Amino acid sequence: MTPSFSRPSRPATAALRLLVAVLAVTASAAGATTLQVLAQGKGGQPLADVVLLLEPQGAKAAVKPLAQVEIAQQGRRFVPAVTVVPLGTKVQFPNQDTVRHHVYSFSSAKKFELKLYVGRPESPVEFDHAGLVVLGCNIHDTMVGWVVVSDTPWYAKTPVGGHATLADVPPGSYVLRSWHPDLPAGSTGIEQPVTVGSTALDLVASLPVAER
């Protein structure tokens, strides 16, 4: 007797496609690895507030905007002073001081202005171009902050201690870009080539920055 085969039903076909997609993601994740980075200054001291961007050489990887990001004004300062966000992220600038602030940026990556206000602005600011955005207050000249807008999904900011992790990095050739607000004005960061294989990497990012 000749066996007969019927066409799979649509639910079965959908389930099969989902299984294939899950297996593809699992295989991709299995080939990815982790980078541990220590950011150091001139004297070898660990540096906080270093932004690390791992940029692939070749096709860019997709990035996903973050939700509910805030840069507050507290004690006439931007808190946090340094923020890194993926491309397309919308940021709120709540004023938590008892005085009004006038937040602005003239940076080419994002020009915007939030005129004198207290509390929370009606709309967030969308950071839709990659690059460095310098923040200021038109009322308080000593206020300065920085937003680094990343077009790579592998990014981090070092805490006190200088260590940061870049996870789920596929094998390939990259450039690690390290930036700190104490670098000379106009600097796009310190670059170093990185080759990622199947095993975890420990890297040191050295910046010509003195300890604060």
N, C-alpha and C. Protein backbone atom coordinates (compact mmCIF):
# COMPACT_ATOMS: atom_id res chain seq x y z
N MET A 1 0.85 -1.19 0.00
CA MET A 1 0.00 0.00 0.00
C MET A 1 0.88 1.23 0.00
N THR A 2 0.53 2.15 -0.89
CA THR A 2 1.32 3.38 -0.97
C THR A 2 0.87 4.36 0.09
N PRO A 3 1.81 4.81 0.96
CA PRO A 3 1.40 5.75 2.01
C PRO A 3 0.95 7.06 1.41
N SER A 4 -0.03 7.69 2.04
CA SER A 4 -0.51 8.99 1.59
C SER A 4 -0.12 10.04 2.61
N PHE A 5 0.20 11.23 2.12
CA PHE A 5 0.62 12.33 2.98
C PHE A 5 -0.33 13.49 2.75
N SER A 6 -0.84 14.02 3.82
CA SER A 6 -1.73 15.17 3.70
C SER A 6 -0.96 16.43 4.05
N ARG A 7 -1.38 17.57 3.52
CA ARG A 7 -0.75 18.86 3.81
C ARG A 7 -1.02 19.24 5.25
N PRO A 8 0.00 19.70 6.01
CA PRO A 8 -0.23 20.08 7.41
C PRO A 8 -1.26 21.19 7.48
N SER A 9 -2.04 21.15 8.56
CA SER A 9 -3.03 22.21 8.79
C SER A 9 -2.32 23.53 9.07
N ARG A 10 -3.03 24.64 8.94
CA ARG A 10 -2.43 25.96 9.17
C ARG A 10 -1.89 26.11 10.60
N PRO A 11 -2.65 25.64 11.63
CA PRO A 11 -2.08 25.73 12.99
C PRO A 11 -0.77 24.96 13.12
N ALA A 12 -0.72 23.76 12.48
CA ALA A 12 0.51 22.97 12.57
C ALA A 12 1.65 23.68 11.85
N THR A 13 1.34 24.29 10.70
CA THR A 13 2.37 25.03 9.96
C THR A 13 2.89 26.21 10.77
N ALA A 14 2.00 26.93 11.43
CA ALA A 14 2.40 28.07 12.26
C ALA A 14 3.27 27.61 13.41
N ALA A 15 2.90 26.48 14.01
CA ALA A 15 3.70 25.95 15.13
C ALA A 15 5.08 25.55 14.66
N LEU A 16 5.15 24.96 13.44
CA LEU A 16 6.45 24.56 12.89
C LEU A 16 7.34 25.77 12.64
N ARG A 17 6.74 26.83 12.09
CA ARG A 17 7.51 28.05 11.85
C ARG A 17 8.02 28.64 13.14
N LEU A 18 7.18 28.63 14.18
CA LEU A 18 7.60 29.15 15.48
C LEU A 18 8.76 28.33 16.04
N LEU A 19 8.69 27.01 15.89
CA LEU A 19 9.77 26.15 16.37
C LEU A 19 11.07 26.46 15.65
N VAL A 20 10.99 26.64 14.33
CA VAL A 20 12.20 26.96 13.55
C VAL A 20 12.79 28.28 14.02
N ALA A 21 11.92 29.28 14.27
CA ALA A 21 12.40 30.58 14.73
C ALA A 21 13.08 30.47 16.08
N VAL A 22 12.47 29.69 16.99
CA VAL A 22 13.05 29.52 18.32
C VAL A 22 14.41 28.83 18.22
N LEU A 23 14.51 27.80 17.38
CA LEU A 23 15.78 27.11 17.22
C LEU A 23 16.84 28.02 16.63
N ALA A 24 16.45 28.92 15.72
CA ALA A 24 17.40 29.84 15.11
C ALA A 24 17.92 30.81 16.14
N VAL A 25 17.03 31.35 16.99
CA VAL A 25 17.45 32.27 18.04
C VAL A 25 18.36 31.58 19.04
N THR A 26 18.00 30.33 19.39
CA THR A 26 18.81 29.57 20.35
C THR A 26 20.21 29.33 19.79
N ALA A 27 20.28 28.97 18.49
CA ALA A 27 21.59 28.73 17.88
C ALA A 27 22.41 30.00 17.85
N SER A 28 21.76 31.14 17.56
CA SER A 28 22.47 32.42 17.54
C SER A 28 23.01 32.76 18.91
N ALA A 29 22.15 32.57 19.94
CA ALA A 29 22.57 32.89 21.31
C ALA A 29 23.72 32.00 21.75
N ALA A 30 23.68 30.72 21.28
CA ALA A 30 24.73 29.79 21.68
C ALA A 30 26.08 30.23 21.15
N GLY A 31 26.10 30.91 20.00
CA GLY A 31 27.37 31.34 19.44
C GLY A 31 27.86 32.66 19.98
N ALA A 32 27.02 33.35 20.76
CA ALA A 32 27.39 34.66 21.30
C ALA A 32 28.23 34.49 22.56
N THR A 33 28.92 35.56 22.92
CA THR A 33 29.76 35.51 24.11
C THR A 33 29.67 36.82 24.88
N THR A 34 30.45 36.92 25.96
CA THR A 34 30.39 38.07 26.85
C THR A 34 31.75 38.73 26.93
N LEU A 35 31.74 40.07 26.94
CA LEU A 35 32.97 40.84 27.13
C LEU A 35 32.92 41.54 28.48
N GLN A 36 33.95 41.37 29.27
CA GLN A 36 34.12 42.09 30.53
C GLN A 36 35.15 43.18 30.28
N VAL A 37 34.77 44.43 30.55
CA VAL A 37 35.66 45.55 30.25
C VAL A 37 35.96 46.32 31.53
N LEU A 38 37.25 46.61 31.76
CA LEU A 38 37.68 47.46 32.85
C LEU A 38 38.19 48.77 32.25
N ALA A 39 37.56 49.87 32.63
CA ALA A 39 37.97 51.19 32.16
C ALA A 39 38.94 51.80 33.17
N GLN A 40 40.10 52.24 32.67
CA GLN A 40 41.14 52.79 33.53
C GLN A 40 41.56 54.17 33.05
N GLY A 41 41.99 55.00 34.02
CA GLY A 41 42.50 56.32 33.72
C GLY A 41 44.01 56.34 33.60
N LYS A 42 44.59 57.56 33.63
CA LYS A 42 46.04 57.73 33.43
C LYS A 42 46.88 56.90 34.38
N GLY A 43 46.53 56.88 35.66
CA GLY A 43 47.33 56.18 36.64
C GLY A 43 46.92 54.74 36.86
N GLY A 44 46.06 54.22 35.98
CA GLY A 44 45.60 52.85 36.14
C GLY A 44 44.42 52.73 37.08
N GLN A 45 43.88 53.89 37.54
CA GLN A 45 42.75 53.83 38.46
C GLN A 45 41.46 53.54 37.70
N PRO A 46 40.53 52.79 38.31
CA PRO A 46 39.25 52.52 37.64
C PRO A 46 38.47 53.82 37.43
N LEU A 47 37.77 53.89 36.31
CA LEU A 47 37.02 55.09 35.97
C LEU A 47 35.53 54.78 35.90
N ALA A 48 34.74 55.59 36.58
CA ALA A 48 33.29 55.55 36.44
C ALA A 48 32.86 56.49 35.32
N ASP A 49 31.63 56.32 34.86
CA ASP A 49 31.03 57.18 33.83
C ASP A 49 31.74 57.10 32.49
N VAL A 50 32.37 55.97 32.22
CA VAL A 50 32.93 55.72 30.88
C VAL A 50 31.86 55.03 30.05
N VAL A 51 31.55 55.60 28.90
CA VAL A 51 30.59 54.98 27.98
C VAL A 51 31.36 54.06 27.03
N LEU A 52 30.90 52.82 26.93
CA LEU A 52 31.52 51.81 26.08
C LEU A 52 30.56 51.46 24.96
N LEU A 53 31.02 51.57 23.72
CA LEU A 53 30.23 51.21 22.55
C LEU A 53 31.00 50.18 21.74
N LEU A 54 30.42 49.01 21.56
CA LEU A 54 31.06 47.97 20.76
C LEU A 54 30.41 48.01 19.38
N GLU A 55 31.17 48.50 18.40
CA GLU A 55 30.63 48.77 17.07
C GLU A 55 31.08 47.70 16.09
N PRO A 56 30.14 46.98 15.47
CA PRO A 56 30.52 45.93 14.50
C PRO A 56 31.11 46.53 13.24
N GLN A 57 32.08 45.84 12.68
CA GLN A 57 32.67 46.25 11.42
C GLN A 57 31.91 45.56 10.29
N GLY A 58 31.13 46.33 9.57
CA GLY A 58 30.26 45.75 8.56
C GLY A 58 28.84 46.20 8.81
N ALA A 59 27.90 45.30 8.60
CA ALA A 59 26.49 45.65 8.76
C ALA A 59 26.18 46.00 10.21
N LYS A 60 25.38 47.03 10.39
CA LYS A 60 24.99 47.43 11.74
C LYS A 60 23.93 46.47 12.27
N ALA A 61 23.92 46.30 13.59
CA ALA A 61 22.92 45.48 14.24
C ALA A 61 21.74 46.35 14.68
N ALA A 62 20.57 45.76 14.74
CA ALA A 62 19.38 46.50 15.13
C ALA A 62 19.44 46.90 16.61
N VAL A 63 18.91 48.06 16.91
CA VAL A 63 18.84 48.52 18.30
C VAL A 63 17.38 48.70 18.68
N LYS A 64 17.09 48.59 19.96
CA LYS A 64 15.74 48.73 20.47
C LYS A 64 15.71 49.88 21.48
N PRO A 65 14.88 50.89 21.25
CA PRO A 65 14.81 52.01 22.19
C PRO A 65 14.40 51.55 23.59
N LEU A 66 14.89 52.27 24.59
CA LEU A 66 14.50 52.01 25.96
C LEU A 66 13.23 52.77 26.30
N ALA A 67 12.55 52.31 27.34
CA ALA A 67 11.35 52.98 27.82
C ALA A 67 11.62 53.60 29.20
N GLN A 68 10.95 54.70 29.48
CA GLN A 68 10.95 55.33 30.81
C GLN A 68 12.35 55.72 31.27
N VAL A 69 13.09 56.40 30.42
CA VAL A 69 14.40 56.93 30.79
C VAL A 69 14.22 58.37 31.27
N GLU A 70 14.88 58.72 32.38
CA GLU A 70 14.78 60.07 32.93
C GLU A 70 16.16 60.64 33.22
N ILE A 71 16.31 61.93 32.98
CA ILE A 71 17.46 62.70 33.43
C ILE A 71 16.88 63.85 34.24
N ALA A 72 17.03 63.76 35.55
CA ALA A 72 16.41 64.74 36.44
C ALA A 72 17.33 65.93 36.67
N GLN A 73 16.75 67.00 37.16
CA GLN A 73 17.52 68.13 37.67
C GLN A 73 17.34 68.16 39.19
N GLN A 74 18.45 67.92 39.88
CA GLN A 74 18.44 67.86 41.34
C GLN A 74 19.63 68.64 41.86
N GLY A 75 19.38 69.59 42.77
CA GLY A 75 20.48 70.37 43.32
C GLY A 75 21.22 71.14 42.25
N ARG A 76 20.48 71.57 41.22
CA ARG A 76 21.06 72.30 40.09
C ARG A 76 22.14 71.49 39.38
N ARG A 77 21.85 70.20 39.26
CA ARG A 77 22.70 69.28 38.50
C ARG A 77 21.82 68.35 37.68
N PHE A 78 22.40 67.82 36.59
CA PHE A 78 21.73 66.77 35.84
C PHE A 78 22.07 65.43 36.51
N VAL A 79 21.04 64.65 36.78
CA VAL A 79 21.22 63.36 37.46
C VAL A 79 20.49 62.27 36.65
N PRO A 80 21.27 61.33 36.07
CA PRO A 80 22.72 61.21 36.09
C PRO A 80 23.39 62.23 35.18
N ALA A 81 24.67 62.49 35.45
CA ALA A 81 25.41 63.44 34.62
C ALA A 81 25.69 62.86 33.24
N VAL A 82 25.93 61.55 33.19
CA VAL A 82 26.21 60.86 31.92
C VAL A 82 25.15 59.78 31.72
N THR A 83 24.54 59.80 30.55
CA THR A 83 23.51 58.81 30.20
C THR A 83 23.83 58.25 28.83
N VAL A 84 23.66 56.93 28.67
CA VAL A 84 23.81 56.32 27.34
C VAL A 84 22.50 55.63 27.01
N VAL A 85 21.98 55.89 25.82
CA VAL A 85 20.71 55.31 25.39
C VAL A 85 20.83 54.83 23.96
N PRO A 86 20.07 53.80 23.59
CA PRO A 86 20.06 53.39 22.18
C PRO A 86 19.25 54.37 21.33
N LEU A 87 19.54 54.37 20.08
CA LEU A 87 18.90 55.25 19.11
C LEU A 87 17.37 55.11 19.19
N GLY A 88 16.69 56.26 19.16
CA GLY A 88 15.23 56.26 19.18
C GLY A 88 14.61 56.34 20.55
N THR A 89 15.43 56.37 21.60
CA THR A 89 14.91 56.43 22.97
C THR A 89 14.37 57.82 23.29
N LYS A 90 13.24 57.85 23.98
CA LYS A 90 12.64 59.10 24.45
C LYS A 90 12.98 59.30 25.93
N VAL A 91 13.44 60.50 26.27
CA VAL A 91 13.93 60.79 27.61
C VAL A 91 13.10 61.92 28.23
N GLN A 92 12.67 61.71 29.46
CA GLN A 92 11.99 62.75 30.22
C GLN A 92 13.02 63.54 31.04
N PHE A 93 12.76 64.84 31.23
CA PHE A 93 13.65 65.71 31.98
C PHE A 93 12.89 66.35 33.14
N PRO A 94 12.54 65.58 34.17
CA PRO A 94 11.79 66.16 35.29
C PRO A 94 12.64 67.13 36.10
N ASN A 95 12.05 68.26 36.45
CA ASN A 95 12.71 69.25 37.31
C ASN A 95 12.29 68.97 38.75
N GLN A 96 13.21 68.50 39.56
CA GLN A 96 12.92 68.17 40.95
C GLN A 96 13.46 69.24 41.90
N ASP A 97 13.90 70.37 41.33
CA ASP A 97 14.36 71.50 42.14
C ASP A 97 13.19 72.44 42.43
N THR A 98 13.44 73.39 43.30
CA THR A 98 12.42 74.40 43.62
C THR A 98 12.58 75.64 42.75
N VAL A 99 13.56 75.64 41.85
CA VAL A 99 13.76 76.74 40.91
C VAL A 99 13.48 76.23 39.50
N ARG A 100 13.20 77.14 38.59
CA ARG A 100 12.94 76.75 37.21
C ARG A 100 14.25 76.50 36.47
N HIS A 101 14.18 75.58 35.51
CA HIS A 101 15.31 75.31 34.63
C HIS A 101 14.88 75.48 33.17
N HIS A 102 15.88 75.72 32.35
CA HIS A 102 15.66 75.90 30.90
C HIS A 102 16.68 75.00 30.21
N VAL A 103 16.29 73.75 29.97
CA VAL A 103 17.21 72.73 29.47
C VAL A 103 17.30 72.82 27.95
N TYR A 104 18.53 72.70 27.44
CA TYR A 104 18.72 72.81 25.99
C TYR A 104 19.95 72.03 25.55
N SER A 105 20.06 71.85 24.24
CA SER A 105 21.29 71.34 23.63
C SER A 105 21.43 71.94 22.25
N PHE A 106 22.66 72.33 21.91
CA PHE A 106 22.99 72.81 20.57
C PHE A 106 23.77 71.77 19.78
N SER A 107 23.88 70.54 20.32
CA SER A 107 24.68 69.51 19.67
C SER A 107 24.05 69.06 18.36
N SER A 108 24.92 68.74 17.40
CA SER A 108 24.41 68.34 16.08
C SER A 108 23.59 67.05 16.14
N ALA A 109 23.90 66.17 17.10
CA ALA A 109 23.15 64.92 17.22
C ALA A 109 21.73 65.15 17.70
N LYS A 110 21.50 66.25 18.45
CA LYS A 110 20.15 66.58 18.90
C LYS A 110 20.10 68.02 19.39
N LYS A 111 19.38 68.84 18.66
CA LYS A 111 19.12 70.21 19.10
C LYS A 111 17.70 70.26 19.67
N PHE A 112 17.57 70.76 20.89
CA PHE A 112 16.25 70.89 21.48
C PHE A 112 16.28 71.94 22.58
N GLU A 113 15.10 72.31 23.04
CA GLU A 113 14.97 73.34 24.06
C GLU A 113 13.70 73.10 24.86
N LEU A 114 13.86 73.02 26.18
CA LEU A 114 12.73 72.94 27.11
C LEU A 114 12.72 74.24 27.90
N LYS A 115 11.88 75.16 27.50
CA LYS A 115 11.91 76.49 28.09
C LYS A 115 11.49 76.45 29.55
N LEU A 116 11.75 77.54 30.27
CA LEU A 116 11.56 77.62 31.72
C LEU A 116 10.38 76.78 32.20
N TYR A 117 10.65 75.84 33.10
CA TYR A 117 9.57 74.99 33.58
C TYR A 117 9.91 74.43 34.96
N VAL A 118 8.87 73.97 35.62
CA VAL A 118 9.00 73.20 36.86
C VAL A 118 8.25 71.90 36.64
N GLY A 119 8.53 70.91 37.49
CA GLY A 119 7.85 69.64 37.34
C GLY A 119 8.31 68.85 36.14
N ARG A 120 7.35 68.25 35.46
CA ARG A 120 7.66 67.35 34.34
C ARG A 120 7.17 67.97 33.03
N PRO A 121 8.06 68.07 32.03
CA PRO A 121 7.61 68.58 30.73
C PRO A 121 6.50 67.72 30.15
N GLU A 122 5.70 68.33 29.30
CA GLU A 122 4.56 67.62 28.73
C GLU A 122 4.98 66.44 27.88
N SER A 123 6.07 66.58 27.13
CA SER A 123 6.51 65.51 26.23
C SER A 123 7.99 65.21 26.46
N PRO A 124 8.39 63.93 26.28
CA PRO A 124 9.81 63.59 26.37
C PRO A 124 10.54 64.06 25.12
N VAL A 125 11.86 63.99 25.18
CA VAL A 125 12.72 64.33 24.04
C VAL A 125 13.19 63.03 23.40
N GLU A 126 12.97 62.89 22.10
CA GLU A 126 13.42 61.69 21.39
C GLU A 126 14.81 61.92 20.82
N PHE A 127 15.73 61.01 21.14
CA PHE A 127 17.10 61.10 20.65
C PHE A 127 17.20 60.19 19.42
N ASP A 128 17.06 60.81 18.25
CA ASP A 128 16.88 60.06 17.00
C ASP A 128 18.09 60.09 16.08
N HIS A 129 19.23 60.58 16.59
CA HIS A 129 20.48 60.52 15.82
C HIS A 129 21.60 60.07 16.76
N ALA A 130 22.46 59.19 16.26
CA ALA A 130 23.58 58.71 17.07
C ALA A 130 24.62 59.80 17.27
N GLY A 131 25.27 59.78 18.43
CA GLY A 131 26.33 60.76 18.71
C GLY A 131 26.26 61.29 20.12
N LEU A 132 27.05 62.30 20.38
CA LEU A 132 27.15 62.90 21.71
C LEU A 132 26.28 64.16 21.77
N VAL A 133 25.47 64.23 22.82
CA VAL A 133 24.61 65.39 23.05
C VAL A 133 25.01 66.01 24.38
N VAL A 134 25.41 67.28 24.33
CA VAL A 134 25.79 68.01 25.56
C VAL A 134 24.59 68.81 26.03
N LEU A 135 24.25 68.64 27.31
CA LEU A 135 23.11 69.31 27.91
C LEU A 135 23.55 70.54 28.70
N GLY A 136 22.73 71.56 28.69
CA GLY A 136 22.99 72.76 29.49
C GLY A 136 21.69 73.33 30.02
N CYS A 137 21.82 74.31 30.90
CA CYS A 137 20.67 75.05 31.42
C CYS A 137 20.90 76.53 31.12
N ASN A 138 19.94 77.17 30.50
CA ASN A 138 20.08 78.56 30.10
C ASN A 138 20.05 79.52 31.28
N ILE A 139 19.69 79.01 32.45
CA ILE A 139 19.62 79.84 33.66
C ILE A 139 20.83 79.60 34.56
N HIS A 140 21.29 78.35 34.62
CA HIS A 140 22.40 77.98 35.52
C HIS A 140 23.56 77.46 34.67
N ASP A 141 24.53 78.32 34.44
CA ASP A 141 25.64 78.00 33.52
C ASP A 141 26.52 76.86 34.00
N THR A 142 26.49 76.57 35.30
CA THR A 142 27.35 75.49 35.81
C THR A 142 26.76 74.11 35.56
N MET A 143 25.51 74.05 35.15
CA MET A 143 24.87 72.76 34.90
C MET A 143 25.31 72.22 33.54
N VAL A 144 25.81 70.99 33.54
CA VAL A 144 26.19 70.35 32.28
C VAL A 144 25.95 68.85 32.42
N GLY A 145 25.48 68.26 31.34
CA GLY A 145 25.25 66.82 31.31
C GLY A 145 25.54 66.30 29.91
N TRP A 146 25.58 64.99 29.78
CA TRP A 146 25.93 64.37 28.49
C TRP A 146 25.01 63.18 28.23
N VAL A 147 24.56 63.09 26.99
CA VAL A 147 23.81 61.92 26.54
C VAL A 147 24.56 61.34 25.34
N VAL A 148 24.92 60.07 25.43
CA VAL A 148 25.54 59.38 24.30
C VAL A 148 24.46 58.49 23.68
N VAL A 149 24.16 58.74 22.41
CA VAL A 149 23.12 57.99 21.70
C VAL A 149 23.80 56.91 20.87
N SER A 150 23.50 55.66 21.17
CA SER A 150 24.19 54.52 20.57
C SER A 150 23.39 53.92 19.41
N ASP A 151 24.07 53.63 18.30
CA ASP A 151 23.44 52.91 17.20
C ASP A 151 23.91 51.45 17.16
N THR A 152 24.48 50.99 18.27
CA THR A 152 24.83 49.58 18.42
C THR A 152 24.13 49.05 19.68
N PRO A 153 23.68 47.79 19.66
CA PRO A 153 23.01 47.25 20.85
C PRO A 153 23.95 46.87 21.98
N TRP A 154 25.26 46.90 21.70
CA TRP A 154 26.23 46.52 22.74
C TRP A 154 26.86 47.79 23.31
N TYR A 155 26.33 48.24 24.41
CA TYR A 155 26.79 49.48 25.03
C TYR A 155 26.67 49.34 26.55
N ALA A 156 27.40 50.18 27.26
CA ALA A 156 27.35 50.16 28.72
C ALA A 156 27.96 51.45 29.25
N LYS A 157 27.70 51.73 30.51
CA LYS A 157 28.35 52.83 31.23
C LYS A 157 28.94 52.25 32.50
N THR A 158 30.22 52.55 32.76
CA THR A 158 30.88 51.95 33.91
C THR A 158 30.43 52.62 35.21
N PRO A 159 30.17 51.82 36.25
CA PRO A 159 29.89 52.36 37.57
C PRO A 159 31.20 52.60 38.32
N VAL A 160 31.08 52.98 39.59
CA VAL A 160 32.27 53.07 40.43
C VAL A 160 32.93 51.68 40.45
N GLY A 161 34.21 51.64 40.22
CA GLY A 161 34.92 50.37 40.09
C GLY A 161 35.38 50.12 38.67
N GLY A 162 34.72 50.78 37.70
CA GLY A 162 35.21 50.76 36.33
C GLY A 162 34.88 49.54 35.50
N HIS A 163 34.15 48.57 36.07
CA HIS A 163 33.85 47.35 35.32
C HIS A 163 32.48 47.43 34.66
N ALA A 164 32.39 46.89 33.44
CA ALA A 164 31.10 46.80 32.75
C ALA A 164 31.09 45.53 31.91
N THR A 165 29.88 45.06 31.61
CA THR A 165 29.69 43.83 30.85
C THR A 165 28.94 44.12 29.56
N LEU A 166 29.43 43.57 28.47
CA LEU A 166 28.73 43.59 27.19
C LEU A 166 28.36 42.14 26.86
N ALA A 167 27.08 41.84 26.87
CA ALA A 167 26.64 40.45 26.77
C ALA A 167 26.07 40.14 25.39
N ASP A 168 26.00 38.84 25.09
CA ASP A 168 25.36 38.33 23.86
C ASP A 168 25.98 38.94 22.60
N VAL A 169 27.29 38.96 22.54
CA VAL A 169 27.99 39.51 21.38
C VAL A 169 28.34 38.38 20.41
N PRO A 170 27.84 38.42 19.19
CA PRO A 170 28.17 37.37 18.22
C PRO A 170 29.64 37.45 17.80
N PRO A 171 30.22 36.35 17.35
CA PRO A 171 31.59 36.38 16.85
C PRO A 171 31.72 37.34 15.68
N GLY A 172 32.88 37.99 15.59
CA GLY A 172 33.11 38.92 14.50
C GLY A 172 34.14 39.97 14.87
N SER A 173 34.31 40.94 13.98
CA SER A 173 35.27 42.02 14.18
C SER A 173 34.53 43.27 14.62
N TYR A 174 35.08 43.94 15.64
CA TYR A 174 34.44 45.11 16.23
C TYR A 174 35.48 46.17 16.53
N VAL A 175 34.97 47.37 16.83
CA VAL A 175 35.77 48.43 17.43
C VAL A 175 35.12 48.79 18.76
N LEU A 176 35.91 48.77 19.82
CA LEU A 176 35.43 49.22 21.13
C LEU A 176 35.75 50.69 21.26
N ARG A 177 34.72 51.50 21.40
CA ARG A 177 34.88 52.94 21.55
C ARG A 177 34.60 53.31 23.02
N SER A 178 35.56 53.97 23.65
CA SER A 178 35.44 54.35 25.06
C SER A 178 35.45 55.87 25.17
N TRP A 179 34.42 56.41 25.80
CA TRP A 179 34.30 57.88 25.91
C TRP A 179 34.04 58.26 27.36
N HIS A 180 34.63 59.40 27.75
CA HIS A 180 34.46 59.94 29.11
C HIS A 180 34.34 61.45 28.99
N PRO A 181 33.51 62.08 29.85
CA PRO A 181 33.34 63.54 29.73
C PRO A 181 34.60 64.36 29.94
N ASP A 182 35.63 63.78 30.55
CA ASP A 182 36.88 64.53 30.76
C ASP A 182 37.84 64.42 29.58
N LEU A 183 37.46 63.70 28.53
CA LEU A 183 38.27 63.72 27.31
C LEU A 183 38.17 65.12 26.68
N PRO A 184 39.13 65.49 25.84
CA PRO A 184 39.08 66.83 25.23
C PRO A 184 37.79 67.06 24.47
N ALA A 185 37.34 68.30 24.47
CA ALA A 185 36.11 68.65 23.77
C ALA A 185 36.19 68.24 22.30
N GLY A 186 35.13 67.65 21.81
CA GLY A 186 35.10 67.20 20.43
C GLY A 186 35.57 65.77 20.23
N SER A 187 36.13 65.15 21.27
CA SER A 187 36.60 63.77 21.14
C SER A 187 35.43 62.82 20.97
N THR A 188 35.58 61.87 20.06
CA THR A 188 34.56 60.84 19.88
C THR A 188 34.91 59.56 20.63
N GLY A 189 35.98 59.62 21.42
CA GLY A 189 36.34 58.46 22.24
C GLY A 189 37.62 57.79 21.77
N ILE A 190 38.08 56.85 22.59
CA ILE A 190 39.29 56.07 22.29
C ILE A 190 38.87 54.75 21.65
N GLU A 191 39.46 54.43 20.50
CA GLU A 191 39.08 53.23 19.76
C GLU A 191 40.13 52.13 19.93
N GLN A 192 39.65 50.90 20.02
CA GLN A 192 40.55 49.75 19.97
C GLN A 192 39.84 48.60 19.26
N PRO A 193 40.55 47.92 18.33
CA PRO A 193 39.94 46.79 17.61
C PRO A 193 39.74 45.60 18.53
N VAL A 194 38.66 44.88 18.32
CA VAL A 194 38.35 43.70 19.13
C VAL A 194 37.86 42.60 18.20
N THR A 195 38.43 41.41 18.35
CA THR A 195 37.95 40.23 17.62
C THR A 195 37.25 39.31 18.61
N VAL A 196 35.99 39.05 18.36
CA VAL A 196 35.17 38.24 19.26
C VAL A 196 35.05 36.83 18.69
N GLY A 197 35.38 35.86 19.51
CA GLY A 197 35.22 34.46 19.12
C GLY A 197 34.13 33.81 19.95
N SER A 198 34.33 32.57 20.28
CA SER A 198 33.32 31.81 21.02
C SER A 198 33.54 31.81 22.52
N THR A 199 34.65 32.40 22.97
CA THR A 199 34.94 32.41 24.40
C THR A 199 34.88 33.83 24.95
N ALA A 200 34.60 33.95 26.22
CA ALA A 200 34.49 35.25 26.86
C ALA A 200 35.82 35.99 26.82
N LEU A 201 35.73 37.32 26.79
CA LEU A 201 36.94 38.15 26.73
C LEU A 201 36.99 39.09 27.93
N ASP A 202 38.21 39.31 28.40
CA ASP A 202 38.47 40.34 29.41
C ASP A 202 39.30 41.43 28.75
N LEU A 203 38.78 42.66 28.73
CA LEU A 203 39.45 43.76 28.06
C LEU A 203 39.71 44.90 29.03
N VAL A 204 40.72 45.69 28.71
CA VAL A 204 41.03 46.92 29.44
C VAL A 204 40.93 48.08 28.48
N ALA A 205 40.14 49.09 28.83
CA ALA A 205 40.02 50.30 28.05
C ALA A 205 40.78 51.40 28.80
N SER A 206 41.88 51.89 28.22
CA SER A 206 42.70 52.91 28.87
C SER A 206 42.40 54.27 28.27
N LEU A 207 42.09 55.24 29.13
CA LEU A 207 41.76 56.57 28.68
C LEU A 207 42.72 57.58 29.30
N PRO A 208 43.13 58.61 28.56
CA PRO A 208 44.03 59.64 29.11
C PRO A 208 43.27 60.62 29.98
N VAL A 209 42.69 60.10 31.05
CA VAL A 209 41.85 60.89 31.95
C VAL A 209 42.38 60.77 33.36
N ALA A 210 42.55 61.90 34.04
CA ALA A 210 43.01 61.89 35.41
C ALA A 210 41.85 61.59 36.35
N GLU A 211 42.18 61.08 37.51
CA GLU A 211 41.16 60.80 38.52
C GLU A 211 40.56 62.11 39.03
N ARG A 212 39.25 62.12 39.17
CA ARG A 212 38.57 63.33 39.65
C ARG A 212 38.77 63.48 41.16
